[in-house]
Amino acid sequence: TSDIVNATAQGRTGGNPDLTDETAESWSVGFTWEPRWVDNLIIGADHFDIELSDAITALGLTDLMVACFDSSNFPNNSACDAFERDASGQVVDFQTGQTNAESFRVEVQDFFVDYRFEVANALGLFSEGARDSNLGFLRLNTRISRDRRRQQSVTGEDIVRSSRSFGSPKYQGTFDATWSRNDTRVFWRTIWQNRARLSPSQQTAFFNENGEQVTSTSHRFISNLTVSQALPRWFDWMPQDTRAQVVVNNVFRRMPNKVEQAAGHFGFAELFGRQYSFTLQVRY
């Protein structure tokens, strides 16, 4: 048993006079299209590519030991030179501090569509009489991101690719619908992300309730609803800017299955289930 796990070891830490400047390269390109034959329709896309090298990072002994023993270049990884063991295998000396070690690269593509129209005009395509009604406005908005590349090296040695993991899914997006009429507003949002690997390299697996091996968790959909109303329209004695709002999060009460629980592939929305909140805003 290593004493350094549950005890202490003597070592050194401090500054590094050999630190150099961090370097970064980035570029982006995007376009927006508004077709003249469809009012209030916007379509666009963006591409981002960011690369950072020689990032200054403070490496602790745990970071260095993990980098050493998990390296494909063990024991010739430079992190292995940061600590020393005696004949019994105990750590008797180490040196930690800041170094130009960390690097990462992120490459992401975003696609979005935004469309706003009068509900009466849309229904008027099927019923001519609907065009004269005050049915409010409907705005539909969607944004989808594609994670093309996401890799990081904390110690400057082995590169870890986190794309397609739960925290960095290959595809994720939001789908919004907002209906407004006079002082009433209804907002619906669905948050989606595609299947997430239990590990980016797919070397980690779990077994589900049927004893089947699982290497990824399923698509994730969570929907939220917000309804707000300006109250002076109904109660003229109230201050002009009084507004009531009701929020329902995780409308369909999505809960993680056993594999998602074991892998930690869930968020606060699933942890708390369906939630309700009420807000009353008054300005004088």
Foldseek 3Di string as FASTA:
>chain_A
DECVVPHNADEEEDEDPPQDDKDKDKDKDKDWDDDPVAPQKIKMKMKIKMKIFLDKDWDDLVNLVCCCVVAPPPPPPPSVVQWDADPVGYTHYGYTYIGRAKIKMWIKMKIKMKGKDQPLVVCCVVPVVSVPDQQFMKMKMKMKMATPFIWMDPGNGDIFTQELALVHDRMWMKIWMWGDGDFKIKIKIKTKGAKGFLGPVLPDWDAAPVRDIDGIDGIDIWMKMKIKGQCCVPVVVAPRRKMKMKIKTRVVFDADGPVCVVSVNDDPCNVVTIDMDMDIDGDD
